[in-house]
Amino acid sequence: MNAWHSVNKQKGVGLVEVLVALLLLGIAVIGFAALQVRAVSSTHDALYRTQGMAVAQEMVERIRSNPQQMATYRAGLSGSATTTSCISAACTAAAMAQFDIVAVRNLAATSLPNGQLGLVTCPGAANLCVLVSWNATTPTVGSAAPACLSTTGSYIQNAECMMMESY
């Protein structure tokens, strides 16, 4: 009887064990897929922040190369600059400032989704802030979204923008 009893013992894997293993594998695959989606989203966010910082740096460098036209830069960024060419040697400093505004606005619009450029007085300081925003955020100072900066000078939660101070 002992020989017969040992022959009937299970020697493989049961159906329950296989189903539990498949369930655990399925959960792991779903978790990995969610992690990949989050990684792609973070990569896009980092790309936009890098491009936004490059656009802001471009504007700050243009302002620093033409400092006597600070009022023109400020007025042009809050208004509508229309000068699209300043290649000739007869280009004045004011025309260069208008050209810079148009060129950097175009750069923001082409390198970022709904890219926008703004220049405001930094909250709590006398410096000028160059704001570059994308998607639904606007390059403004306000108390809530869609503004980029709060009135205290900090980024508004979930704002998609970059700020760089100029002198």
Protein backbone atom coordinates (compact mmCIF):
# COMPACT_ATOMS: atom_id res chain seq x y z
CA MET A 1 0.00 0.00 0.00
CA ASN A 2 2.88 2.37 0.60
CA ALA A 3 4.09 1.92 -2.97
CA TRP A 4 0.66 2.70 -4.36
CA HIS A 5 0.32 5.82 -2.17
CA SER A 6 3.69 7.27 -3.24
CA VAL A 7 2.87 6.83 -6.93
CA ASN A 8 -0.26 9.01 -6.60
CA LYS A 9 1.59 11.94 -5.03
CA GLN A 10 1.66 15.09 -7.12
CA LYS A 11 4.94 15.63 -8.93
CA GLY A 12 4.14 18.79 -11.00
CA VAL A 13 2.77 22.26 -10.51
CA GLY A 14 -0.92 22.64 -9.81
CA LEU A 15 -3.27 24.93 -11.67
CA VAL A 16 -3.67 27.24 -8.66
CA GLU A 17 0.08 27.84 -8.46
CA VAL A 18 0.23 28.64 -12.19
CA LEU A 19 -2.66 31.12 -11.92
CA VAL A 20 -1.09 32.87 -8.92
CA ALA A 21 2.22 33.15 -10.79
CA LEU A 22 0.46 34.61 -13.86
CA LEU A 23 -1.42 37.09 -11.66
CA LEU A 24 1.82 38.28 -10.07
CA LEU A 25 3.48 38.54 -13.48
CA GLY A 26 0.53 40.54 -14.82
CA ILE A 27 0.72 42.99 -11.91
CA ALA A 28 4.45 43.40 -12.45
CA VAL A 29 3.99 44.08 -16.19
CA ILE A 30 1.27 46.68 -15.50
CA GLY A 31 3.50 48.36 -12.92
CA PHE A 32 6.40 48.44 -15.36
CA ALA A 33 4.20 49.94 -18.09
CA ALA A 34 3.00 52.67 -15.70
CA LEU A 35 6.61 53.39 -14.77
CA GLN A 36 7.54 53.74 -18.45
CA VAL A 37 4.67 56.17 -19.07
CA ARG A 38 5.81 58.30 -16.12
CA ALA A 39 9.41 58.22 -17.36
CA VAL A 40 8.38 59.46 -20.82
CA SER A 41 6.33 62.26 -19.23
CA SER A 42 9.28 63.31 -17.06
CA THR A 43 11.56 63.26 -20.09
CA HIS A 44 9.23 65.63 -21.98
CA ASP A 45 9.03 67.93 -18.97
CA ALA A 46 12.82 68.03 -18.69
CA LEU A 47 13.15 68.74 -22.42
CA TYR A 48 10.70 71.64 -22.23
CA ARG A 49 12.46 73.08 -19.18
CA THR A 50 15.82 72.87 -20.95
CA GLN A 51 14.45 74.54 -24.06
CA GLY A 52 12.68 77.18 -21.96
CA MET A 53 15.91 77.98 -20.14
CA ALA A 54 17.76 78.30 -23.46
CA VAL A 55 15.11 80.73 -24.76
CA ALA A 56 15.27 82.79 -21.54
CA GLN A 57 19.07 82.86 -21.72
CA GLU A 58 18.89 84.03 -25.32
CA MET A 59 16.65 86.95 -24.34
CA VAL A 60 18.82 87.92 -21.36
CA GLU A 61 21.95 87.91 -23.53
CA ARG A 62 20.25 90.11 -26.13
CA ILE A 63 19.13 92.55 -23.43
CA ARG A 64 22.64 92.67 -21.97
CA SER A 65 24.12 93.41 -25.38
CA ASN A 66 21.76 96.40 -25.83
CA PRO A 67 21.25 97.75 -22.27
CA GLN A 68 20.39 101.32 -23.26
CA GLN A 69 17.13 99.99 -24.75
CA MET A 70 15.77 98.43 -21.54
CA ALA A 71 12.58 100.49 -21.82
CA THR A 72 12.09 99.28 -25.40
CA TYR A 73 12.50 95.66 -24.36
CA ARG A 74 10.02 96.08 -21.53
CA ALA A 75 7.45 97.84 -23.71
CA GLY A 76 7.96 95.46 -26.62
CA LEU A 77 7.48 92.31 -24.60
CA SER A 78 4.30 93.55 -22.99
CA GLY A 79 3.03 95.00 -26.28
CA SER A 80 3.36 93.84 -29.85
CA ALA A 81 6.75 94.18 -31.51
CA THR A 82 6.53 94.05 -35.28
CA THR A 83 10.05 94.60 -36.62
CA THR A 84 11.14 91.41 -38.31
CA SER A 85 14.45 92.43 -39.87
CA CYS A 86 17.45 94.31 -38.58
CA ILE A 87 20.26 93.10 -40.77
CA SER A 88 21.38 96.38 -42.33
CA ALA A 89 24.19 98.48 -40.87
CA ALA A 90 21.71 101.38 -40.43
CA CYS A 91 19.80 99.47 -37.76
CA THR A 92 19.32 101.60 -34.65
CA ALA A 93 19.51 100.31 -31.07
CA ALA A 94 15.73 100.66 -30.73
CA ALA A 95 15.16 98.72 -33.96
CA MET A 96 17.59 96.05 -32.73
CA ALA A 97 15.58 95.72 -29.51
CA GLN A 98 12.38 95.28 -31.54
CA PHE A 99 14.13 92.72 -33.75
CA ASP A 100 15.39 90.83 -30.68
CA ILE A 101 11.89 90.65 -29.23
CA VAL A 102 10.39 89.27 -32.42
CA ALA A 103 13.24 86.80 -32.91
CA VAL A 104 13.08 85.39 -29.38
CA ARG A 105 9.28 85.25 -29.42
CA ASN A 106 9.50 83.20 -32.61
CA LEU A 107 12.14 81.00 -31.00
CA ALA A 108 9.85 80.33 -28.03
CA ALA A 109 6.88 79.63 -30.29
CA THR A 110 8.78 77.17 -32.47
CA SER A 111 10.74 75.31 -29.80
CA LEU A 112 7.96 74.86 -27.20
CA PRO A 113 4.30 73.86 -27.43
CA ASN A 114 2.37 77.16 -27.20
CA GLY A 115 5.68 78.81 -26.22
CA GLN A 116 5.37 82.38 -25.00
CA LEU A 117 7.80 85.04 -23.80
CA GLY A 118 7.29 87.77 -21.21
CA LEU A 119 9.38 90.35 -19.36
CA VAL A 120 8.13 91.64 -16.02
CA THR A 121 9.56 93.30 -12.95
CA CYS A 122 10.55 90.50 -10.60
CA PRO A 123 8.19 90.30 -7.63
CA GLY A 124 9.88 91.76 -4.56
CA ALA A 125 12.90 93.08 -6.50
CA ALA A 126 13.83 95.77 -9.00
CA ASN A 127 15.34 93.28 -11.46
CA LEU A 128 13.62 92.25 -14.65
CA CYS A 129 12.42 88.69 -15.01
CA VAL A 130 12.37 86.99 -18.38
CA LEU A 131 9.54 84.43 -18.33
CA VAL A 132 9.20 81.63 -20.86
CA SER A 133 6.06 79.51 -20.65
CA TRP A 134 4.55 76.63 -22.57
CA ASN A 135 1.28 74.72 -22.83
CA ALA A 136 -1.49 76.47 -20.83
CA THR A 137 0.77 78.61 -18.61
CA THR A 138 1.13 82.31 -19.42
CA PRO A 139 4.34 84.32 -18.85
CA THR A 140 2.75 86.56 -16.22
CA VAL A 141 2.73 87.22 -12.48
CA GLY A 142 -0.52 86.42 -10.71
CA SER A 143 -2.12 84.69 -7.77
CA ALA A 144 -3.16 81.45 -9.50
CA ALA A 145 -2.83 79.43 -12.69
CA PRO A 146 -2.36 80.04 -15.60
CA ALA A 147 0.21 82.60 -14.41
CA CYS A 148 3.84 81.51 -14.12
CA LEU A 149 4.96 83.34 -10.97
CA SER A 150 3.09 84.27 -7.83
CA THR A 151 3.20 87.79 -6.44
CA THR A 152 5.77 86.56 -3.90
CA GLY A 153 8.16 85.48 -6.68
CA SER A 154 7.72 81.71 -6.42
CA TYR A 155 6.48 79.44 -9.17
CA ILE A 156 2.77 78.70 -9.09
CA GLN A 157 2.04 75.02 -8.50
CA ASN A 158 2.08 72.98 -11.73
CA ALA A 159 3.18 76.01 -13.77
CA GLU A 160 5.01 75.08 -16.95
CA CYS A 161 7.47 77.93 -17.26
CA MET A 162 10.99 79.13 -16.59
CA MET A 163 12.14 82.41 -15.07
CA MET A 164 15.52 84.07 -15.43
CA GLU A 165 16.47 87.35 -13.82
CA SER A 166 18.17 90.10 -15.74
CA TYR A 167 19.63 93.28 -14.31
